[in-house]
């Protein structure tokens, strides 16, 4: 939660009282389970005020991972604010339908014939999906997105903010030659957003192409694209790779609040969904 500026240091007694009050007054969750048991058991749950990065090369599955996580949060009663800068709300709802209904694929959604029976099915499905959908934001302007988040998300609420992905953000008045500054400032502001609203903020980011040239494909923090400030401000970094098309490997490269671990999830390509192994 946001604290008032003070010209003095906080004494031990004041800190003790504030800490106990924070435990007493917080009726909501102090942490948020990711929805993936493997993640929660190894890396730990998502914490309030923390900024998380999901890093991957293009086409590996960072949107599928982030959106599958968001879907699980909504199912658990958390309000998810989701800003996707690559796809429209309609395209994201195609993915939502495929995650919710295991018999659907993205190709079905994009190419399937709309028979009267199919239309009736989608109308019924839409009523269900409205309950399980995040709240979407479409503008790529970082300042506009930040203002909307601060205006609509109640500090300390059971909410999570997701951004997909940092590399597509823009700021008015900034050109391509100022990209490093833009990414650095975005990383800092996303971390401050997490602290000010006292909620987890999870953002996707791309890894550099150089990782594909190495014999060892395991990512490192140095593989983060555009700016070293990204990993500096992040509380944790989850790097995704896929050597096997159906296996999504998650390497925790940084974790201020837990261990550095690795675990695997199942990647369902036709549905663009990430699931746990039975």
C-alpha atoms as a PDB file:
ATOM      1  CA  UNK A   1       0.000   0.000   0.000  1.00  0.00           C
ATOM      2  CA  UNK A   2       1.184   3.534  -0.639  1.00  0.00           C
ATOM      3  CA  UNK A   3       2.837   5.193   2.369  1.00  0.00           C
ATOM      4  CA  UNK A   4       2.988   8.913   3.100  1.00  0.00           C
ATOM      5  CA  UNK A   5       6.419  10.475   2.707  1.00  0.00           C
ATOM      6  CA  UNK A   6       8.198  11.117   5.996  1.00  0.00           C
ATOM      7  CA  UNK A   7      11.395  13.098   6.719  1.00  0.00           C
ATOM      8  CA  UNK A   8      12.300  10.592   9.450  1.00  0.00           C
ATOM      9  CA  UNK A   9      13.340   6.966   9.544  1.00  0.00           C
ATOM     10  CA  UNK A  10      10.769   4.453  10.789  1.00  0.00           C
ATOM     11  CA  UNK A  11      11.656   3.235  14.278  1.00  0.00           C
ATOM     12  CA  UNK A  12      11.585  -0.435  15.255  1.00  0.00           C
ATOM     13  CA  UNK A  13       8.478   0.092  17.387  1.00  0.00           C
ATOM     14  CA  UNK A  14       6.654   1.912  14.602  1.00  0.00           C
ATOM     15  CA  UNK A  15       7.590  -0.836  12.149  1.00  0.00           C
ATOM     16  CA  UNK A  16       6.350  -3.507  14.583  1.00  0.00           C
ATOM     17  CA  UNK A  17       2.970  -1.771  14.991  1.00  0.00           C
ATOM     18  CA  UNK A  18       2.552  -1.199  11.253  1.00  0.00           C
ATOM     19  CA  UNK A  19       3.412  -4.816  10.490  1.00  0.00           C
ATOM     20  CA  UNK A  20       0.906  -6.192  13.006  1.00  0.00           C
ATOM     21  CA  UNK A  21      -1.793  -3.816  11.765  1.00  0.00           C
ATOM     22  CA  UNK A  22      -1.175  -4.888   8.165  1.00  0.00           C
ATOM     23  CA  UNK A  23      -1.758  -8.501   9.166  1.00  0.00           C
ATOM     24  CA  UNK A  24      -4.930  -7.632  11.090  1.00  0.00           C
ATOM     25  CA  UNK A  25      -6.481  -5.293   8.524  1.00  0.00           C
ATOM     26  CA  UNK A  26      -5.877  -7.280   5.361  1.00  0.00           C
ATOM     27  CA  UNK A  27      -9.053  -9.276   4.860  1.00  0.00           C
ATOM     28  CA  UNK A  28      -8.104 -10.399   1.354  1.00  0.00           C
ATOM     29  CA  UNK A  29      -5.309 -12.647   0.188  1.00  0.00           C
ATOM     30  CA  UNK A  30      -1.703 -12.023   1.168  1.00  0.00           C
ATOM     31  CA  UNK A  31      -0.573 -14.130  -1.755  1.00  0.00           C
ATOM     32  CA  UNK A  32      -2.028 -15.587  -4.932  1.00  0.00           C
ATOM     33  CA  UNK A  33      -1.483 -19.159  -6.050  1.00  0.00           C
ATOM     34  CA  UNK A  34      -0.500 -19.274  -9.713  1.00  0.00           C
ATOM     35  CA  UNK A  35      -2.920 -22.105 -10.470  1.00  0.00           C
ATOM     36  CA  UNK A  36      -0.001 -24.350 -11.427  1.00  0.00           C
ATOM     37  CA  UNK A  37       0.822 -26.624  -8.484  1.00  0.00           C
ATOM     38  CA  UNK A  38       4.332 -27.257  -9.800  1.00  0.00           C
ATOM     39  CA  UNK A  39       5.035 -23.532  -9.745  1.00  0.00           C
ATOM     40  CA  UNK A  40       3.590 -22.900  -6.297  1.00  0.00           C
ATOM     41  CA  UNK A  41       5.344 -25.915  -4.764  1.00  0.00           C
ATOM     42  CA  UNK A  42       8.758 -25.007  -6.188  1.00  0.00           C
ATOM     43  CA  UNK A  43       8.996 -21.257  -6.872  1.00  0.00           C
ATOM     44  CA  UNK A  44       6.279 -20.062  -4.481  1.00  0.00           C
ATOM     45  CA  UNK A  45       3.015 -18.162  -4.907  1.00  0.00           C
ATOM     46  CA  UNK A  46       2.629 -14.662  -6.385  1.00  0.00           C
ATOM     47  CA  UNK A  47       2.987 -11.991  -3.715  1.00  0.00           C
ATOM     48  CA  UNK A  48       1.375  -8.599  -3.255  1.00  0.00           C
ATOM     49  CA  UNK A  49       3.534  -5.697  -4.361  1.00  0.00           C
ATOM     50  CA  UNK A  50       5.792  -7.930  -6.467  1.00  0.00           C
ATOM     51  CA  UNK A  51       6.697  -7.504 -10.145  1.00  0.00           C
ATOM     52  CA  UNK A  52       7.143 -10.705 -12.176  1.00  0.00           C
ATOM     53  CA  UNK A  53       8.521 -11.237 -15.680  1.00  0.00           C
ATOM     54  CA  UNK A  54       7.672 -14.111 -18.020  1.00  0.00           C
ATOM     55  CA  UNK A  55      10.452 -14.262 -20.634  1.00  0.00           C
ATOM     56  CA  UNK A  56      10.593 -16.307 -23.849  1.00  0.00           C
ATOM     57  CA  UNK A  57      11.534 -16.194 -27.512  1.00  0.00           C
ATOM     58  CA  UNK A  58       8.745 -15.505 -30.004  1.00  0.00           C
ATOM     59  CA  UNK A  59       6.451 -18.467 -30.594  1.00  0.00           C
ATOM     60  CA  UNK A  60       7.479 -20.414 -27.499  1.00  0.00           C
ATOM     61  CA  UNK A  61       4.289 -19.797 -25.529  1.00  0.00           C
ATOM     62  CA  UNK A  62       4.620 -16.763 -23.261  1.00  0.00           C
ATOM     63  CA  UNK A  63       1.100 -15.537 -24.133  1.00  0.00           C
ATOM     64  CA  UNK A  64      -0.302 -19.047 -23.623  1.00  0.00           C
ATOM     65  CA  UNK A  65       1.452 -19.320 -20.248  1.00  0.00           C
ATOM     66  CA  UNK A  66       0.444 -15.853 -19.063  1.00  0.00           C
ATOM     67  CA  UNK A  67      -3.161 -16.185 -20.230  1.00  0.00           C
ATOM     68  CA  UNK A  68      -3.533 -19.691 -18.778  1.00  0.00           C
ATOM     69  CA  UNK A  69      -2.272 -18.282 -15.480  1.00  0.00           C
ATOM     70  CA  UNK A  70      -4.755 -15.393 -15.730  1.00  0.00           C
ATOM     71  CA  UNK A  71      -7.631 -17.802 -16.445  1.00  0.00           C
ATOM     72  CA  UNK A  72      -6.766 -19.807 -13.334  1.00  0.00           C
ATOM     73  CA  UNK A  73      -6.697 -16.623 -11.263  1.00  0.00           C
ATOM     74  CA  UNK A  74     -10.196 -15.651 -12.403  1.00  0.00           C
ATOM     75  CA  UNK A  75     -11.452 -19.160 -11.621  1.00  0.00           C
ATOM     76  CA  UNK A  76     -10.039 -18.686  -8.102  1.00  0.00           C
ATOM     77  CA  UNK A  77     -12.031 -15.464  -7.590  1.00  0.00           C
ATOM     78  CA  UNK A  78      -9.271 -12.958  -8.421  1.00  0.00           C
ATOM     79  CA  UNK A  79     -10.025  -9.978 -10.684  1.00  0.00           C
ATOM     80  CA  UNK A  80      -7.510 -10.005 -13.536  1.00  0.00           C
ATOM     81  CA  UNK A  81      -6.720  -6.864 -15.539  1.00  0.00           C
ATOM     82  CA  UNK A  82      -5.089  -7.995 -18.786  1.00  0.00           C
ATOM     83  CA  UNK A  83      -3.394  -5.753 -21.345  1.00  0.00           C
ATOM     84  CA  UNK A  84      -2.563  -7.630 -24.556  1.00  0.00           C
ATOM     85  CA  UNK A  85      -0.783  -5.475 -27.111  1.00  0.00           C
ATOM     86  CA  UNK A  86      -0.678  -8.052 -29.916  1.00  0.00           C
ATOM     87  CA  UNK A  87      -4.272  -9.260 -30.174  1.00  0.00           C
ATOM     88  CA  UNK A  88      -7.783  -7.878 -30.046  1.00  0.00           C
ATOM     89  CA  UNK A  89     -10.274  -8.759 -27.320  1.00  0.00           C
ATOM     90  CA  UNK A  90     -12.089 -10.996 -29.805  1.00  0.00           C
ATOM     91  CA  UNK A  91      -8.898 -12.957 -30.501  1.00  0.00           C
ATOM     92  CA  UNK A  92      -8.215 -13.299 -26.784  1.00  0.00           C
ATOM     93  CA  UNK A  93     -11.735 -14.641 -26.274  1.00  0.00           C
ATOM     94  CA  UNK A  94     -10.950 -17.298 -28.899  1.00  0.00           C
ATOM     95  CA  UNK A  95      -8.096 -18.382 -26.634  1.00  0.00           C
ATOM     96  CA  UNK A  96     -10.302 -18.140 -23.574  1.00  0.00           C
ATOM     97  CA  UNK A  97     -12.818 -20.488 -25.186  1.00  0.00           C
ATOM     98  CA  UNK A  98     -10.081 -23.005 -26.028  1.00  0.00           C
ATOM     99  CA  UNK A  99      -8.675 -22.946 -22.496  1.00  0.00           C
ATOM    100  CA  UNK A 100     -12.142 -23.348 -20.991  1.00  0.00           C
ATOM    101  CA  UNK A 101     -13.327 -26.043 -23.411  1.00  0.00           C
ATOM    102  CA  UNK A 102     -10.733 -28.783 -24.031  1.00  0.00           C
ATOM    103  CA  UNK A 103     -12.548 -29.952 -27.191  1.00  0.00           C
ATOM    104  CA  UNK A 104     -12.019 -26.620 -28.978  1.00  0.00           C
ATOM    105  CA  UNK A 105      -8.936 -25.570 -30.978  1.00  0.00           C
ATOM    106  CA  UNK A 106      -7.938 -22.179 -32.332  1.00  0.00           C
ATOM    107  CA  UNK A 107      -8.383 -23.505 -35.852  1.00  0.00           C
ATOM    108  CA  UNK A 108     -11.969 -24.457 -34.982  1.00  0.00           C
ATOM    109  CA  UNK A 109     -12.575 -20.928 -33.743  1.00  0.00           C
ATOM    110  CA  UNK A 110     -11.062 -19.279 -36.823  1.00  0.00           C
ATOM    111  CA  UNK A 111     -12.215 -21.622 -39.611  1.00  0.00           C
ATOM    112  CA  UNK A 112     -15.130 -23.735 -38.339  1.00  0.00           C
ATOM    113  CA  UNK A 113     -18.507 -23.464 -40.070  1.00  0.00           C
ATOM    114  CA  UNK A 114     -21.101 -21.533 -38.069  1.00  0.00           C
ATOM    115  CA  UNK A 115     -24.077 -23.843 -38.325  1.00  0.00           C
ATOM    116  CA  UNK A 116     -27.218 -22.930 -36.324  1.00  0.00           C
ATOM    117  CA  UNK A 117     -26.261 -25.575 -33.753  1.00  0.00           C
ATOM    118  CA  UNK A 118     -22.757 -24.129 -33.524  1.00  0.00           C
ATOM    119  CA  UNK A 119     -24.095 -20.602 -33.043  1.00  0.00           C
ATOM    120  CA  UNK A 120     -26.375 -21.771 -30.218  1.00  0.00           C
ATOM    121  CA  UNK A 121     -23.399 -23.528 -28.605  1.00  0.00           C
ATOM    122  CA  UNK A 122     -21.239 -20.390 -28.740  1.00  0.00           C
ATOM    123  CA  UNK A 123     -24.040 -18.265 -27.287  1.00  0.00           C
ATOM    124  CA  UNK A 124     -24.253 -20.629 -24.296  1.00  0.00           C
ATOM    125  CA  UNK A 125     -20.461 -20.717 -24.018  1.00  0.00           C
ATOM    126  CA  UNK A 126     -20.238 -16.909 -24.083  1.00  0.00           C
ATOM    127  CA  UNK A 127     -22.429 -16.742 -20.976  1.00  0.00           C
ATOM    128  CA  UNK A 128     -19.971 -19.003 -19.164  1.00  0.00           C
ATOM    129  CA  UNK A 129     -16.868 -17.211 -20.453  1.00  0.00           C
ATOM    130  CA  UNK A 130     -18.134 -13.849 -19.235  1.00  0.00           C
ATOM    131  CA  UNK A 131     -17.716 -15.221 -15.707  1.00  0.00           C
ATOM    132  CA  UNK A 132     -14.170 -16.448 -16.365  1.00  0.00           C
ATOM    133  CA  UNK A 133     -12.824 -13.593 -18.480  1.00  0.00           C
ATOM    134  CA  UNK A 134     -10.222 -11.031 -17.417  1.00  0.00           C
ATOM    135  CA  UNK A 135     -10.874  -7.320 -17.963  1.00  0.00           C
ATOM    136  CA  UNK A 136      -9.017  -6.334 -21.125  1.00  0.00           C
ATOM    137  CA  UNK A 137      -7.185  -3.130 -22.074  1.00  0.00           C
ATOM    138  CA  UNK A 138      -6.110  -2.547 -25.693  1.00  0.00           C
ATOM    139  CA  UNK A 139      -4.153   0.720 -25.938  1.00  0.00           C
ATOM    140  CA  UNK A 140      -0.373   0.443 -26.453  1.00  0.00           C
ATOM    141  CA  UNK A 141       0.318   3.838 -24.915  1.00  0.00           C
ATOM    142  CA  UNK A 142       2.074   3.145 -21.630  1.00  0.00           C
ATOM    143  CA  UNK A 143       0.939   6.324 -19.876  1.00  0.00           C
ATOM    144  CA  UNK A 144      -2.714   5.684 -20.817  1.00  0.00           C
ATOM    145  CA  UNK A 145      -2.493   2.081 -19.628  1.00  0.00           C
ATOM    146  CA  UNK A 146      -0.856   3.106 -16.359  1.00  0.00           C
ATOM    147  CA  UNK A 147      -3.515   5.757 -15.702  1.00  0.00           C
ATOM    148  CA  UNK A 148      -6.314   3.271 -16.374  1.00  0.00           C
ATOM    149  CA  UNK A 149      -4.792   0.723 -13.985  1.00  0.00           C
ATOM    150  CA  UNK A 150      -4.433   3.289 -11.201  1.00  0.00           C
ATOM    151  CA  UNK A 151      -7.974   4.569 -11.755  1.00  0.00           C
ATOM    152  CA  UNK A 152      -9.741   1.205 -11.903  1.00  0.00           C
ATOM    153  CA  UNK A 153      -7.790  -1.120  -9.601  1.00  0.00           C
ATOM    154  CA  UNK A 154      -8.486  -0.639  -5.915  1.00  0.00           C
ATOM    155  CA  UNK A 155      -5.286  -0.741  -3.834  1.00  0.00           C
ATOM    156  CA  UNK A 156      -5.061  -3.911  -1.775  1.00  0.00           C
ATOM    157  CA  UNK A 157      -7.880  -5.618  -3.674  1.00  0.00           C
ATOM    158  CA  UNK A 158      -7.784  -9.245  -4.789  1.00  0.00           C
ATOM    159  CA  UNK A 159      -6.524  -8.270  -8.212  1.00  0.00           C
ATOM    160  CA  UNK A 160      -3.646  -9.041 -10.575  1.00  0.00           C
ATOM    161  CA  UNK A 161      -2.419  -6.954 -13.504  1.00  0.00           C
ATOM    162  CA  UNK A 162      -0.949  -8.759 -16.545  1.00  0.00           C
ATOM    163  CA  UNK A 163       0.854  -7.177 -19.501  1.00  0.00           C
ATOM    164  CA  UNK A 164       1.639  -8.978 -22.763  1.00  0.00           C
ATOM    165  CA  UNK A 165       4.188  -7.823 -23.704  1.00  0.00           C
ATOM    166  CA  UNK A 166       6.632  -5.082 -22.631  1.00  0.00           C
ATOM    167  CA  UNK A 167       8.380  -4.804 -26.019  1.00  0.00           C
ATOM    168  CA  UNK A 168       5.248  -3.433 -27.731  1.00  0.00           C
ATOM    169  CA  UNK A 169       4.730  -0.511 -25.373  1.00  0.00           C
ATOM    170  CA  UNK A 170       4.970   3.034 -26.717  1.00  0.00           C
ATOM    171  CA  UNK A 171       5.220   6.500 -25.225  1.00  0.00           C
ATOM    172  CA  UNK A 172       4.183   9.689 -26.942  1.00  0.00           C
ATOM    173  CA  UNK A 173       7.128  11.735 -28.138  1.00  0.00           C
ATOM    174  CA  UNK A 174       9.660   8.880 -28.017  1.00  0.00           C
ATOM    175  CA  UNK A 175      11.290   7.442 -31.135  1.00  0.00           C
ATOM    176  CA  UNK A 176      13.045   4.112 -31.820  1.00  0.00           C
ATOM    177  CA  UNK A 177      16.406   5.558 -30.737  1.00  0.00           C
ATOM    178  CA  UNK A 178      15.019   6.025 -27.215  1.00  0.00           C
ATOM    179  CA  UNK A 179      13.883   2.414 -26.892  1.00  0.00           C
ATOM    180  CA  UNK A 180      16.297   1.537 -24.079  1.00  0.00           C
ATOM    181  CA  UNK A 181      15.011   4.428 -21.971  1.00  0.00           C
ATOM    182  CA  UNK A 182      11.390   3.469 -22.704  1.00  0.00           C
ATOM    183  CA  UNK A 183      11.841  -0.142 -21.569  1.00  0.00           C
ATOM    184  CA  UNK A 184      13.824   0.925 -18.505  1.00  0.00           C
ATOM    185  CA  UNK A 185      11.185   3.448 -17.470  1.00  0.00           C
ATOM    186  CA  UNK A 186       8.393   0.956 -18.130  1.00  0.00           C
ATOM    187  CA  UNK A 187      10.069  -1.633 -15.892  1.00  0.00           C
ATOM    188  CA  UNK A 188      10.444   0.888 -13.082  1.00  0.00           C
ATOM    189  CA  UNK A 189       6.849   2.106 -13.374  1.00  0.00           C
ATOM    190  CA  UNK A 190       5.449  -1.455 -13.422  1.00  0.00           C
ATOM    191  CA  UNK A 191       7.337  -2.237 -10.231  1.00  0.00           C
ATOM    192  CA  UNK A 192       5.999   0.952  -8.615  1.00  0.00           C
ATOM    193  CA  UNK A 193       2.494   0.048  -9.813  1.00  0.00           C
ATOM    194  CA  UNK A 194       2.751  -3.296  -8.010  1.00  0.00           C
ATOM    195  CA  UNK A 195       3.861  -1.588  -4.811  1.00  0.00           C
ATOM    196  CA  UNK A 196       1.372   1.280  -4.943  1.00  0.00           C
ATOM    197  CA  UNK A 197      -1.622  -0.975  -5.658  1.00  0.00           C
ATOM    198  CA  UNK A 198      -0.302  -3.777  -3.416  1.00  0.00           C
ATOM    199  CA  UNK A 199      -1.046  -6.435  -6.038  1.00  0.00           C
ATOM    200  CA  UNK A 200       1.074  -8.769  -8.193  1.00  0.00           C
ATOM    201  CA  UNK A 201       2.037  -7.396 -11.611  1.00  0.00           C
ATOM    202  CA  UNK A 202       3.059  -9.975 -14.229  1.00  0.00           C
ATOM    203  CA  UNK A 203       4.518  -8.903 -17.575  1.00  0.00           C
ATOM    204  CA  UNK A 204       5.791 -10.861 -20.575  1.00  0.00           C
ATOM    205  CA  UNK A 205       9.051  -9.934 -22.293  1.00  0.00           C
ATOM    206  CA  UNK A 206      11.039 -11.342 -25.206  1.00  0.00           C
ATOM    207  CA  UNK A 207      14.443 -12.985 -24.967  1.00  0.00           C
ATOM    208  CA  UNK A 208      17.263 -12.148 -27.374  1.00  0.00           C
ATOM    209  CA  UNK A 209      17.708 -14.152 -30.561  1.00  0.00           C
ATOM    210  CA  UNK A 210      21.278 -15.098 -29.514  1.00  0.00           C
ATOM    211  CA  UNK A 211      19.908 -17.882 -27.326  1.00  0.00           C
ATOM    212  CA  UNK A 212      19.015 -19.838 -30.474  1.00  0.00           C
ATOM    213  CA  UNK A 213      22.668 -19.908 -31.573  1.00  0.00           C
ATOM    214  CA  UNK A 214      23.950 -21.522 -28.380  1.00  0.00           C
ATOM    215  CA  UNK A 215      24.353 -25.250 -27.752  1.00  0.00           C
ATOM    216  CA  UNK A 216      22.916 -24.731 -24.271  1.00  0.00           C
ATOM    217  CA  UNK A 217      19.434 -23.269 -24.789  1.00  0.00           C
ATOM    218  CA  UNK A 218      18.826 -22.579 -21.097  1.00  0.00           C
ATOM    219  CA  UNK A 219      18.181 -18.801 -20.807  1.00  0.00           C
ATOM    220  CA  UNK A 220      20.045 -16.449 -18.499  1.00  0.00           C
ATOM    221  CA  UNK A 221      19.177 -12.980 -17.231  1.00  0.00           C
ATOM    222  CA  UNK A 222      21.603 -11.559 -19.801  1.00  0.00           C
ATOM    223  CA  UNK A 223      19.270 -12.826 -22.554  1.00  0.00           C
ATOM    224  CA  UNK A 224      16.578 -10.280 -21.695  1.00  0.00           C
ATOM    225  CA  UNK A 225      15.824  -8.115 -24.715  1.00  0.00           C
ATOM    226  CA  UNK A 226      16.064  -4.290 -24.926  1.00  0.00           C
ATOM    227  CA  UNK A 227      17.087  -3.424 -21.361  1.00  0.00           C
ATOM    228  CA  UNK A 228      18.955  -4.721 -18.337  1.00  0.00           C
ATOM    229  CA  UNK A 229      16.604  -2.671 -16.186  1.00  0.00           C
ATOM    230  CA  UNK A 230      13.901  -5.277 -16.690  1.00  0.00           C
ATOM    231  CA  UNK A 231      15.530  -7.942 -14.530  1.00  0.00           C
ATOM    232  CA  UNK A 232      16.828  -5.327 -12.090  1.00  0.00           C
ATOM    233  CA  UNK A 233      13.316  -4.185 -11.153  1.00  0.00           C
ATOM    234  CA  UNK A 234      11.669  -7.628 -11.324  1.00  0.00           C
ATOM    235  CA  UNK A 235      11.164  -9.623  -8.144  1.00  0.00           C
ATOM    236  CA  UNK A 236      11.231 -12.847 -10.144  1.00  0.00           C
ATOM    237  CA  UNK A 237      11.939 -13.901 -13.727  1.00  0.00           C
ATOM    238  CA  UNK A 238      10.373 -17.036 -15.249  1.00  0.00           C
ATOM    239  CA  UNK A 239      12.043 -18.068 -18.526  1.00  0.00           C
ATOM    240  CA  UNK A 240      10.180 -20.371 -20.921  1.00  0.00           C
ATOM    241  CA  UNK A 241      11.730 -22.751 -23.444  1.00  0.00           C
ATOM    242  CA  UNK A 242      10.340 -25.626 -25.500  1.00  0.00           C
ATOM    243  CA  UNK A 243      12.764 -28.256 -26.869  1.00  0.00           C
ATOM    244  CA  UNK A 244       9.888 -30.730 -27.153  1.00  0.00           C
ATOM    245  CA  UNK A 245       6.832 -29.169 -28.830  1.00  0.00           C
ATOM    246  CA  UNK A 246       4.512 -30.445 -26.093  1.00  0.00           C
ATOM    247  CA  UNK A 247       6.720 -29.667 -23.068  1.00  0.00           C
ATOM    248  CA  UNK A 248       7.077 -26.140 -21.724  1.00  0.00           C
ATOM    249  CA  UNK A 249      10.167 -25.830 -19.530  1.00  0.00           C
ATOM    250  CA  UNK A 250      10.064 -23.048 -16.917  1.00  0.00           C
ATOM    251  CA  UNK A 251      13.369 -21.879 -15.425  1.00  0.00           C
ATOM    252  CA  UNK A 252      13.182 -19.457 -12.507  1.00  0.00           C
ATOM    253  CA  UNK A 253      16.214 -17.241 -13.179  1.00  0.00           C
ATOM    254  CA  UNK A 254      15.580 -14.772 -10.366  1.00  0.00           C
ATOM    255  CA  UNK A 255      13.449 -15.051  -7.254  1.00  0.00           C
ATOM    256  CA  UNK A 256      13.733 -12.529  -4.429  1.00  0.00           C
ATOM    257  CA  UNK A 257      11.206 -14.418  -2.339  1.00  0.00           C
ATOM    258  CA  UNK A 258      12.092 -18.041  -3.041  1.00  0.00           C
ATOM    259  CA  UNK A 259      14.466 -20.543  -4.655  1.00  0.00           C
ATOM    260  CA  UNK A 260      15.815 -20.772  -8.205  1.00  0.00           C
ATOM    261  CA  UNK A 261      14.146 -23.874  -9.627  1.00  0.00           C
ATOM    262  CA  UNK A 262      12.940 -25.469 -12.860  1.00  0.00           C
ATOM    263  CA  UNK A 263       9.731 -27.319 -13.643  1.00  0.00           C
ATOM    264  CA  UNK A 264       7.762 -28.552 -16.670  1.00  0.00           C
ATOM    265  CA  UNK A 265       4.215 -27.974 -17.898  1.00  0.00           C
ATOM    266  CA  UNK A 266       2.265 -29.428 -20.820  1.00  0.00           C
ATOM    267  CA  UNK A 267       1.871 -27.186 -23.865  1.00  0.00           C
ATOM    268  CA  UNK A 268      -1.259 -27.867 -25.912  1.00  0.00           C
ATOM    269  CA  UNK A 269      -0.412 -26.274 -29.267  1.00  0.00           C
ATOM    270  CA  UNK A 270      -3.801 -26.618 -31.039  1.00  0.00           C
ATOM    271  CA  UNK A 271      -5.505 -24.882 -28.090  1.00  0.00           C
ATOM    272  CA  UNK A 272      -2.608 -22.532 -27.228  1.00  0.00           C
ATOM    273  CA  UNK A 273      -3.150 -23.605 -23.631  1.00  0.00           C
ATOM    274  CA  UNK A 274      -0.749 -24.541 -20.848  1.00  0.00           C
ATOM    275  CA  UNK A 275      -1.781 -27.357 -18.532  1.00  0.00           C
ATOM    276  CA  UNK A 276      -0.272 -29.345 -15.706  1.00  0.00           C
ATOM    277  CA  UNK A 277       0.592 -32.991 -16.160  1.00  0.00           C
ATOM    278  CA  UNK A 278      -1.935 -35.315 -14.574  1.00  0.00           C
END
